[in-house]
Amino acid sequence: MTILNHLRKDHNLRNYQGHLIELRGVSKEYKSGDQSFLALRDVSLTVDAGEFIAIVGKSGSGKSTLVNMVTGIDRPTRGEIIIGGIAVHKLSEDKLALWRGKTIGVIFQFFQLLPTLTLLENVMLPMDFCDVHPVRARKEHALHLLSLVDIADNAYKLPSAISGGQQQRAAIARALANDPSILIADEPTGNLDSQTANSVFDLFNRIVASGKTVLMVTHDRDLSSRISRSITVIDGNIASDDAVSI
């Protein structure tokens, strides 16, 4: 079965048998002129469907590079990345874009909402790119997602007209647009006050309870201690991988 047919058949991997995510001996080296920097060093990792994982580490530790391997935003210098049985590191750019759009939802610290589009239009945009939902159903689905994150009343507002916490909720709704099995959140609460961060964190717990898999990059030790599994990255290595007692 080709990657295209596989994704058309079933882009939802929540019931995938086996490890949903596997990194096998992954290293990533960046080069600039004669200089090189090893951001990841022979990292191996498995993640099962339905897990909520915190990726913790200082700035420059390699934690963002690690999740970029999972999203396919970056490619490994060495090693293998297998997600839902697909060797992601071997995909062409076109197939990788298709796979990412239907399998991964990405949430950024600074929201990355398009400023000239309403929240509703921002959420509908990934549906237009990946053609997962029928055209006539996209508006209704986007409104449903905005309702799930409690900001449906703001659907027709521009991002500049709402608070940072509301913008992050809109970004989460956009990441859910194509019903991805995996959500990657890179410092999603780092630009929010503590009360709003807790509210967004509770929203992630609801998303995990619905059966999705969430990897959250964070420097917030308090939040990471409230997640069932915490992976600490130091100097490109996985220094610890611990189940957390909650």
C-alpha atoms as a PDB file:
ATOM      1  CA  MET A   1       0.000   0.000   0.000  1.00  0.00           C
ATOM      2  CA  THR A   2       1.417   3.398  -0.955  1.00  0.00           C
ATOM      3  CA  ILE A   3       1.640   6.227   1.566  1.00  0.00           C
ATOM      4  CA  LEU A   4      -1.078   8.090  -0.339  1.00  0.00           C
ATOM      5  CA  ASN A   5      -3.478   5.130  -0.254  1.00  0.00           C
ATOM      6  CA  HIS A   6      -2.595   4.480   3.386  1.00  0.00           C
ATOM      7  CA  LEU A   7      -3.531   8.020   4.340  1.00  0.00           C
ATOM      8  CA  ARG A   8      -6.704   7.973   2.282  1.00  0.00           C
ATOM      9  CA  LYS A   9      -7.712   4.687   3.898  1.00  0.00           C
ATOM     10  CA  ASP A  10      -7.138   5.711   7.520  1.00  0.00           C
ATOM     11  CA  HIS A  11      -5.201   8.746   8.687  1.00  0.00           C
ATOM     12  CA  ASN A  12      -6.331   8.147  12.273  1.00  0.00           C
ATOM     13  CA  LEU A  13      -3.778   6.021  14.150  1.00  0.00           C
ATOM     14  CA  ARG A  14      -5.314   5.933  17.606  1.00  0.00           C
ATOM     15  CA  ASN A  15      -5.941   2.195  17.331  1.00  0.00           C
ATOM     16  CA  TYR A  16      -2.541   1.421  15.805  1.00  0.00           C
ATOM     17  CA  GLN A  17      -1.115  -1.856  17.098  1.00  0.00           C
ATOM     18  CA  GLY A  18       2.446  -1.485  18.386  1.00  0.00           C
ATOM     19  CA  HIS A  19       4.456   1.609  19.238  1.00  0.00           C
ATOM     20  CA  LEU A  20       2.855   4.610  17.552  1.00  0.00           C
ATOM     21  CA  ILE A  21       6.153   6.550  17.438  1.00  0.00           C
ATOM     22  CA  GLU A  22       9.625   5.008  17.222  1.00  0.00           C
ATOM     23  CA  LEU A  23      12.932   6.842  16.986  1.00  0.00           C
ATOM     24  CA  ARG A  24      15.802   4.427  16.354  1.00  0.00           C
ATOM     25  CA  GLY A  25      19.333   5.713  16.860  1.00  0.00           C
ATOM     26  CA  VAL A  26      18.454   9.222  15.670  1.00  0.00           C
ATOM     27  CA  SER A  27      21.223  11.819  15.427  1.00  0.00           C
ATOM     28  CA  LYS A  28      20.959  15.307  13.977  1.00  0.00           C
ATOM     29  CA  GLU A  29      23.989  17.337  12.969  1.00  0.00           C
ATOM     30  CA  TYR A  30      23.826  20.940  11.797  1.00  0.00           C
ATOM     31  CA  LYS A  31      26.650  22.444   9.766  1.00  0.00           C
ATOM     32  CA  SER A  32      27.598  26.055   9.142  1.00  0.00           C
ATOM     33  CA  GLY A  33      30.716  26.480   7.069  1.00  0.00           C
ATOM     34  CA  ASP A  34      33.480  24.499   8.729  1.00  0.00           C
ATOM     35  CA  GLN A  35      31.588  24.292  12.013  1.00  0.00           C
ATOM     36  CA  SER A  36      29.214  21.493  13.000  1.00  0.00           C
ATOM     37  CA  PHE A  37      26.895  20.975  15.943  1.00  0.00           C
ATOM     38  CA  LEU A  38      25.346  17.695  17.061  1.00  0.00           C
ATOM     39  CA  ALA A  39      21.858  18.584  18.332  1.00  0.00           C
ATOM     40  CA  LEU A  40      20.750  14.973  18.900  1.00  0.00           C
ATOM     41  CA  ARG A  41      23.036  12.061  19.740  1.00  0.00           C
ATOM     42  CA  ASP A  42      21.869   8.515  18.930  1.00  0.00           C
ATOM     43  CA  VAL A  43      18.408   8.985  20.461  1.00  0.00           C
ATOM     44  CA  SER A  44      16.051   6.006  20.680  1.00  0.00           C
ATOM     45  CA  LEU A  45      12.502   6.445  21.935  1.00  0.00           C
ATOM     46  CA  THR A  46       9.089   4.794  21.744  1.00  0.00           C
ATOM     47  CA  VAL A  47       5.676   6.374  22.360  1.00  0.00           C
ATOM     48  CA  ASP A  48       2.368   4.519  22.476  1.00  0.00           C
ATOM     49  CA  ALA A  49      -1.024   5.805  21.390  1.00  0.00           C
ATOM     50  CA  GLY A  50      -2.824   7.836  24.036  1.00  0.00           C
ATOM     51  CA  GLU A  51       0.248   8.965  25.971  1.00  0.00           C
ATOM     52  CA  PHE A  52       0.727  12.524  27.250  1.00  0.00           C
ATOM     53  CA  ILE A  53       4.464  13.190  27.381  1.00  0.00           C
ATOM     54  CA  ALA A  54       6.446  16.192  28.555  1.00  0.00           C
ATOM     55  CA  ILE A  55       9.744  16.842  26.772  1.00  0.00           C
ATOM     56  CA  VAL A  56      11.815  18.847  29.241  1.00  0.00           C
ATOM     57  CA  GLY A  57      15.185  20.549  28.887  1.00  0.00           C
ATOM     58  CA  LYS A  58      17.039  23.828  28.933  1.00  0.00           C
ATOM     59  CA  SER A  59      17.267  26.083  25.897  1.00  0.00           C
ATOM     60  CA  GLY A  60      19.589  24.456  23.350  1.00  0.00           C
ATOM     61  CA  SER A  61      19.278  20.996  24.904  1.00  0.00           C
ATOM     62  CA  GLY A  62      17.798  19.462  21.757  1.00  0.00           C
ATOM     63  CA  LYS A  63      14.191  19.079  22.885  1.00  0.00           C
ATOM     64  CA  SER A  64      12.733  21.095  19.986  1.00  0.00           C
ATOM     65  CA  THR A  65      14.957  19.246  17.528  1.00  0.00           C
ATOM     66  CA  LEU A  66      13.608  16.000  18.961  1.00  0.00           C
ATOM     67  CA  VAL A  67       9.982  16.906  18.267  1.00  0.00           C
ATOM     68  CA  ASN A  68      10.948  18.309  14.859  1.00  0.00           C
ATOM     69  CA  MET A  69      12.076  14.781  14.004  1.00  0.00           C
ATOM     70  CA  VAL A  70       8.598  13.493  14.872  1.00  0.00           C
ATOM     71  CA  THR A  71       6.800  16.141  12.823  1.00  0.00           C
ATOM     72  CA  GLY A  72       9.089  15.730   9.830  1.00  0.00           C
ATOM     73  CA  ILE A  73       9.916  19.446   9.971  1.00  0.00           C
ATOM     74  CA  ASP A  74      13.534  18.314  10.137  1.00  0.00           C
ATOM     75  CA  ARG A  75      15.210  15.111   8.969  1.00  0.00           C
ATOM     76  CA  PRO A  76      17.734  12.987  10.863  1.00  0.00           C
ATOM     77  CA  THR A  77      21.374  12.881   9.849  1.00  0.00           C
ATOM     78  CA  ARG A  78      21.386   9.252  10.971  1.00  0.00           C
ATOM     79  CA  GLY A  79      18.760   6.849  12.276  1.00  0.00           C
ATOM     80  CA  GLU A  80      15.144   5.959  11.577  1.00  0.00           C
ATOM     81  CA  ILE A  81      11.777   7.521  12.429  1.00  0.00           C
ATOM     82  CA  ILE A  82       8.790   5.176  12.226  1.00  0.00           C
ATOM     83  CA  ILE A  83       5.315   6.552  12.948  1.00  0.00           C
ATOM     84  CA  GLY A  84       2.253   4.382  12.575  1.00  0.00           C
ATOM     85  CA  GLY A  85       4.355   1.898  10.620  1.00  0.00           C
ATOM     86  CA  ILE A  86       5.534   4.526   8.112  1.00  0.00           C
ATOM     87  CA  ALA A  87       9.250   5.300   7.688  1.00  0.00           C
ATOM     88  CA  VAL A  88       8.786   9.058   7.822  1.00  0.00           C
ATOM     89  CA  HIS A  89      12.478   9.840   7.228  1.00  0.00           C
ATOM     90  CA  LYS A  90      12.258   8.205   3.792  1.00  0.00           C
ATOM     91  CA  LEU A  91       9.279  10.181   2.480  1.00  0.00           C
ATOM     92  CA  SER A  92       9.667  12.695  -0.319  1.00  0.00           C
ATOM     93  CA  GLU A  93       8.819  16.301   0.535  1.00  0.00           C
ATOM     94  CA  ASP A  94       5.413  16.076  -1.178  1.00  0.00           C
ATOM     95  CA  LYS A  95       4.452  12.841   0.571  1.00  0.00           C
ATOM     96  CA  LEU A  96       5.829  14.158   3.851  1.00  0.00           C
ATOM     97  CA  ALA A  97       3.627  17.261   3.614  1.00  0.00           C
ATOM     98  CA  LEU A  98       0.564  15.097   2.959  1.00  0.00           C
ATOM     99  CA  TRP A  99       1.438  12.754   5.823  1.00  0.00           C
ATOM    100  CA  ARG A 100       2.087  15.611   8.250  1.00  0.00           C
ATOM    101  CA  GLY A 101      -1.128  17.433   7.398  1.00  0.00           C
ATOM    102  CA  LYS A 102      -3.254  14.392   8.161  1.00  0.00           C
ATOM    103  CA  THR A 103      -1.324  12.815  11.021  1.00  0.00           C
ATOM    104  CA  ILE A 104       0.277  15.604  13.074  1.00  0.00           C
ATOM    105  CA  GLY A 105      -1.147  18.747  14.641  1.00  0.00           C
ATOM    106  CA  VAL A 106       1.450  21.337  15.675  1.00  0.00           C
ATOM    107  CA  ILE A 107       0.890  24.016  18.315  1.00  0.00           C
ATOM    108  CA  PHE A 108       3.420  26.830  18.726  1.00  0.00           C
ATOM    109  CA  GLN A 109       4.324  29.072  21.655  1.00  0.00           C
ATOM    110  CA  PHE A 110       3.505  32.241  19.704  1.00  0.00           C
ATOM    111  CA  PHE A 111       0.275  30.856  18.197  1.00  0.00           C
ATOM    112  CA  GLN A 112       1.206  31.539  14.515  1.00  0.00           C
ATOM    113  CA  LEU A 113      -2.341  32.483  13.592  1.00  0.00           C
ATOM    114  CA  LEU A 114      -2.661  34.367  10.314  1.00  0.00           C
ATOM    115  CA  PRO A 115      -3.500  37.933  11.398  1.00  0.00           C
ATOM    116  CA  THR A 116      -5.727  38.833   8.425  1.00  0.00           C
ATOM    117  CA  LEU A 117      -7.976  35.768   8.813  1.00  0.00           C
ATOM    118  CA  THR A 118     -10.728  35.298  11.384  1.00  0.00           C
ATOM    119  CA  LEU A 119     -10.371  32.501  13.929  1.00  0.00           C
ATOM    120  CA  LEU A 120     -12.889  30.483  11.915  1.00  0.00           C
ATOM    121  CA  GLU A 121     -10.849  30.946   8.727  1.00  0.00           C
ATOM    122  CA  ASN A 122      -7.619  30.037  10.542  1.00  0.00           C
ATOM    123  CA  VAL A 123      -9.150  26.751  11.699  1.00  0.00           C
ATOM    124  CA  MET A 124     -10.564  25.958   8.262  1.00  0.00           C
ATOM    125  CA  LEU A 125      -7.240  26.551   6.493  1.00  0.00           C
ATOM    126  CA  PRO A 126      -5.664  23.104   7.206  1.00  0.00           C
ATOM    127  CA  MET A 127      -8.838  21.439   5.930  1.00  0.00           C
ATOM    128  CA  ASP A 128      -8.453  23.267   2.624  1.00  0.00           C
ATOM    129  CA  PHE A 129      -4.842  22.096   2.287  1.00  0.00           C
ATOM    130  CA  CYS A 130      -5.435  18.417   3.094  1.00  0.00           C
ATOM    131  CA  ASP A 131      -8.959  17.864   1.778  1.00  0.00           C
ATOM    132  CA  VAL A 132      -9.906  15.631   4.737  1.00  0.00           C
ATOM    133  CA  HIS A 133     -13.418  17.024   5.194  1.00  0.00           C
ATOM    134  CA  PRO A 134     -16.014  17.727   2.481  1.00  0.00           C
ATOM    135  CA  VAL A 135     -16.041  21.414   1.500  1.00  0.00           C
ATOM    136  CA  ARG A 136     -19.625  21.900   2.711  1.00  0.00           C
ATOM    137  CA  ALA A 137     -18.775  20.455   6.146  1.00  0.00           C
ATOM    138  CA  ARG A 138     -15.666  22.502   6.891  1.00  0.00           C
ATOM    139  CA  LYS A 139     -17.285  25.581   8.393  1.00  0.00           C
ATOM    140  CA  GLU A 140     -19.478  23.496  10.706  1.00  0.00           C
ATOM    141  CA  HIS A 141     -16.497  21.382  11.780  1.00  0.00           C
ATOM    142  CA  ALA A 142     -14.384  24.488  12.473  1.00  0.00           C
ATOM    143  CA  LEU A 143     -17.175  25.971  14.586  1.00  0.00           C
ATOM    144  CA  HIS A 144     -17.426  22.695  16.482  1.00  0.00           C
ATOM    145  CA  LEU A 145     -13.703  22.769  17.256  1.00  0.00           C
ATOM    146  CA  LEU A 146     -13.860  26.382  18.407  1.00  0.00           C
ATOM    147  CA  SER A 147     -16.734  25.342  20.666  1.00  0.00           C
ATOM    148  CA  LEU A 148     -14.640  22.499  22.097  1.00  0.00           C
ATOM    149  CA  VAL A 149     -11.961  24.994  23.147  1.00  0.00           C
ATOM    150  CA  ASP A 150     -14.617  27.417  24.474  1.00  0.00           C
ATOM    151  CA  ILE A 151     -14.121  30.304  22.048  1.00  0.00           C
ATOM    152  CA  ALA A 152     -16.940  29.796  19.512  1.00  0.00           C
ATOM    153  CA  ASP A 153     -18.286  33.249  20.388  1.00  0.00           C
ATOM    154  CA  ASN A 154     -15.098  34.721  18.907  1.00  0.00           C
ATOM    155  CA  ALA A 155     -15.218  32.767  15.646  1.00  0.00           C
ATOM    156  CA  TYR A 156     -15.530  35.837  13.417  1.00  0.00           C
ATOM    157  CA  LYS A 157     -12.935  37.955  15.210  1.00  0.00           C
ATOM    158  CA  LEU A 158      -9.365  38.540  14.069  1.00  0.00           C
ATOM    159  CA  PRO A 159      -6.572  37.216  16.342  1.00  0.00           C
ATOM    160  CA  SER A 160      -5.630  40.774  17.358  1.00  0.00           C
ATOM    161  CA  ALA A 161      -9.076  41.238  18.926  1.00  0.00           C
ATOM    162  CA  ILE A 162      -8.717  38.450  21.513  1.00  0.00           C
ATOM    163  CA  SER A 163      -6.399  37.603  24.409  1.00  0.00           C
ATOM    164  CA  GLY A 164      -3.251  35.484  24.260  1.00  0.00           C
ATOM    165  CA  GLY A 165      -4.977  32.586  25.986  1.00  0.00           C
ATOM    166  CA  GLN A 166      -7.828  32.720  23.504  1.00  0.00           C
ATOM    167  CA  GLN A 167      -5.362  32.823  20.613  1.00  0.00           C
ATOM    168  CA  GLN A 168      -3.671  29.693  21.982  1.00  0.00           C
ATOM    169  CA  ARG A 169      -7.056  27.974  22.179  1.00  0.00           C
ATOM    170  CA  ALA A 170      -7.683  28.934  18.557  1.00  0.00           C
ATOM    171  CA  ALA A 171      -4.273  27.504  17.638  1.00  0.00           C
ATOM    172  CA  ILE A 172      -5.216  24.248  19.368  1.00  0.00           C
ATOM    173  CA  ALA A 173      -8.493  24.130  17.439  1.00  0.00           C
ATOM    174  CA  ARG A 174      -6.548  24.674  14.205  1.00  0.00           C
ATOM    175  CA  ALA A 175      -4.161  21.832  15.114  1.00  0.00           C
ATOM    176  CA  LEU A 176      -7.195  19.549  15.556  1.00  0.00           C
ATOM    177  CA  ALA A 177      -8.735  20.530  12.203  1.00  0.00           C
ATOM    178  CA  ASN A 178      -7.850  17.319  10.342  1.00  0.00           C
ATOM    179  CA  ASP A 179      -8.377  15.036  13.362  1.00  0.00           C
ATOM    180  CA  PRO A 180      -4.678  14.144  13.718  1.00  0.00           C
ATOM    181  CA  SER A 181      -3.707  11.274  15.981  1.00  0.00           C
ATOM    182  CA  ILE A 182      -0.641  13.107  17.313  1.00  0.00           C
ATOM    183  CA  LEU A 183      -0.344  16.640  18.683  1.00  0.00           C
ATOM    184  CA  ILE A 184       3.049  18.312  19.095  1.00  0.00           C
ATOM    185  CA  ALA A 185       2.997  21.357  21.353  1.00  0.00           C
ATOM    186  CA  ASP A 186       6.230  23.384  21.487  1.00  0.00           C
ATOM    187  CA  GLU A 187       6.203  25.523  24.666  1.00  0.00           C
ATOM    188  CA  PRO A 188       2.444  26.096  24.315  1.00  0.00           C
ATOM    189  CA  THR A 189       2.117  27.801  27.701  1.00  0.00           C
ATOM    190  CA  GLY A 190       5.404  29.706  27.675  1.00  0.00           C
ATOM    191  CA  ASN A 191       3.775  32.949  26.540  1.00  0.00           C
ATOM    192  CA  LEU A 192       0.809  32.769  28.936  1.00  0.00           C
ATOM    193  CA  ASP A 193       0.198  33.782  32.529  1.00  0.00           C
ATOM    194  CA  SER A 194      -0.030  30.945  35.068  1.00  0.00           C
ATOM    195  CA  GLN A 195      -3.832  30.891  35.311  1.00  0.00           C
ATOM    196  CA  THR A 196      -4.271  30.806  31.540  1.00  0.00           C
ATOM    197  CA  ALA A 197      -1.484  28.222  31.236  1.00  0.00           C
ATOM    198  CA  ASN A 198      -3.318  25.946  33.675  1.00  0.00           C
ATOM    199  CA  SER A 199      -6.511  26.338  31.658  1.00  0.00           C
ATOM    200  CA  VAL A 200      -4.716  25.395  28.427  1.00  0.00           C
ATOM    201  CA  PHE A 201      -3.028  22.470  30.203  1.00  0.00           C
ATOM    202  CA  ASP A 202      -6.437  21.180  31.320  1.00  0.00           C
ATOM    203  CA  LEU A 203      -7.544  21.392  27.692  1.00  0.00           C
ATOM    204  CA  PHE A 204      -4.623  19.145  26.693  1.00  0.00           C
ATOM    205  CA  ASN A 205      -5.721  16.615  29.306  1.00  0.00           C
ATOM    206  CA  ARG A 206      -9.175  16.566  27.722  1.00  0.00           C
ATOM    207  CA  ILE A 207      -7.604  16.004  24.305  1.00  0.00           C
ATOM    208  CA  VAL A 208      -5.553  13.059  25.616  1.00  0.00           C
ATOM    209  CA  ALA A 209      -8.662  11.623  27.276  1.00  0.00           C
ATOM    210  CA  SER A 210     -10.305  11.620  23.830  1.00  0.00           C
ATOM    211  CA  GLY A 211      -7.615   9.192  22.620  1.00  0.00           C
ATOM    212  CA  LYS A 212      -5.009  11.428  21.027  1.00  0.00           C
ATOM    213  CA  THR A 213      -1.275  11.359  21.724  1.00  0.00           C
ATOM    214  CA  VAL A 214       0.356  14.582  22.917  1.00  0.00           C
ATOM    215  CA  LEU A 215       4.063  15.477  23.111  1.00  0.00           C
ATOM    216  CA  MET A 216       4.519  18.797  24.885  1.00  0.00           C
ATOM    217  CA  VAL A 217       7.861  20.586  24.936  1.00  0.00           C
ATOM    218  CA  THR A 218       8.124  22.632  28.106  1.00  0.00           C
ATOM    219  CA  HIS A 219      10.600  24.203  30.495  1.00  0.00           C
ATOM    220  CA  ASP A 220       7.904  24.367  33.185  1.00  0.00           C
ATOM    221  CA  ARG A 221       8.770  21.696  35.750  1.00  0.00           C
ATOM    222  CA  ASP A 222       5.468  22.201  37.537  1.00  0.00           C
ATOM    223  CA  LEU A 223       3.483  21.341  34.414  1.00  0.00           C
ATOM    224  CA  SER A 224       5.768  18.440  33.501  1.00  0.00           C
ATOM    225  CA  SER A 225       5.260  16.920  36.967  1.00  0.00           C
ATOM    226  CA  ARG A 226       1.519  16.759  36.237  1.00  0.00           C
ATOM    227  CA  ILE A 227       2.000  14.654  33.092  1.00  0.00           C
ATOM    228  CA  SER A 228       2.189  10.856  33.225  1.00  0.00           C
ATOM    229  CA  ARG A 229       5.599  10.646  31.525  1.00  0.00           C
ATOM    230  CA  SER A 230       8.472  13.126  31.479  1.00  0.00           C
ATOM    231  CA  ILE A 231      11.496  12.901  29.177  1.00  0.00           C
ATOM    232  CA  THR A 232      14.481  15.103  30.002  1.00  0.00           C
ATOM    233  CA  VAL A 233      16.880  16.068  27.212  1.00  0.00           C
ATOM    234  CA  ILE A 234      20.410  17.268  28.031  1.00  0.00           C
ATOM    235  CA  ASP A 235      23.058  18.041  25.388  1.00  0.00           C
ATOM    236  CA  GLY A 236      21.203  16.078  22.708  1.00  0.00           C
ATOM    237  CA  ASN A 237      20.785  12.966  24.841  1.00  0.00           C
ATOM    238  CA  ILE A 238      17.780  11.561  26.674  1.00  0.00           C
ATOM    239  CA  ALA A 239      19.007  11.925  30.249  1.00  0.00           C
ATOM    240  CA  SER A 240      15.881  10.437  31.841  1.00  0.00           C
ATOM    241  CA  ASP A 241      12.569   8.941  30.793  1.00  0.00           C
ATOM    242  CA  ASP A 242      10.302   8.625  33.791  1.00  0.00           C
ATOM    243  CA  ALA A 243       6.726   7.777  34.574  1.00  0.00           C
ATOM    244  CA  VAL A 244       5.385  10.451  36.902  1.00  0.00           C
ATOM    245  CA  SER A 245       3.193   9.659  39.898  1.00  0.00           C
ATOM    246  CA  ILE A 246       0.228  12.009  39.733  1.00  0.00           C
END
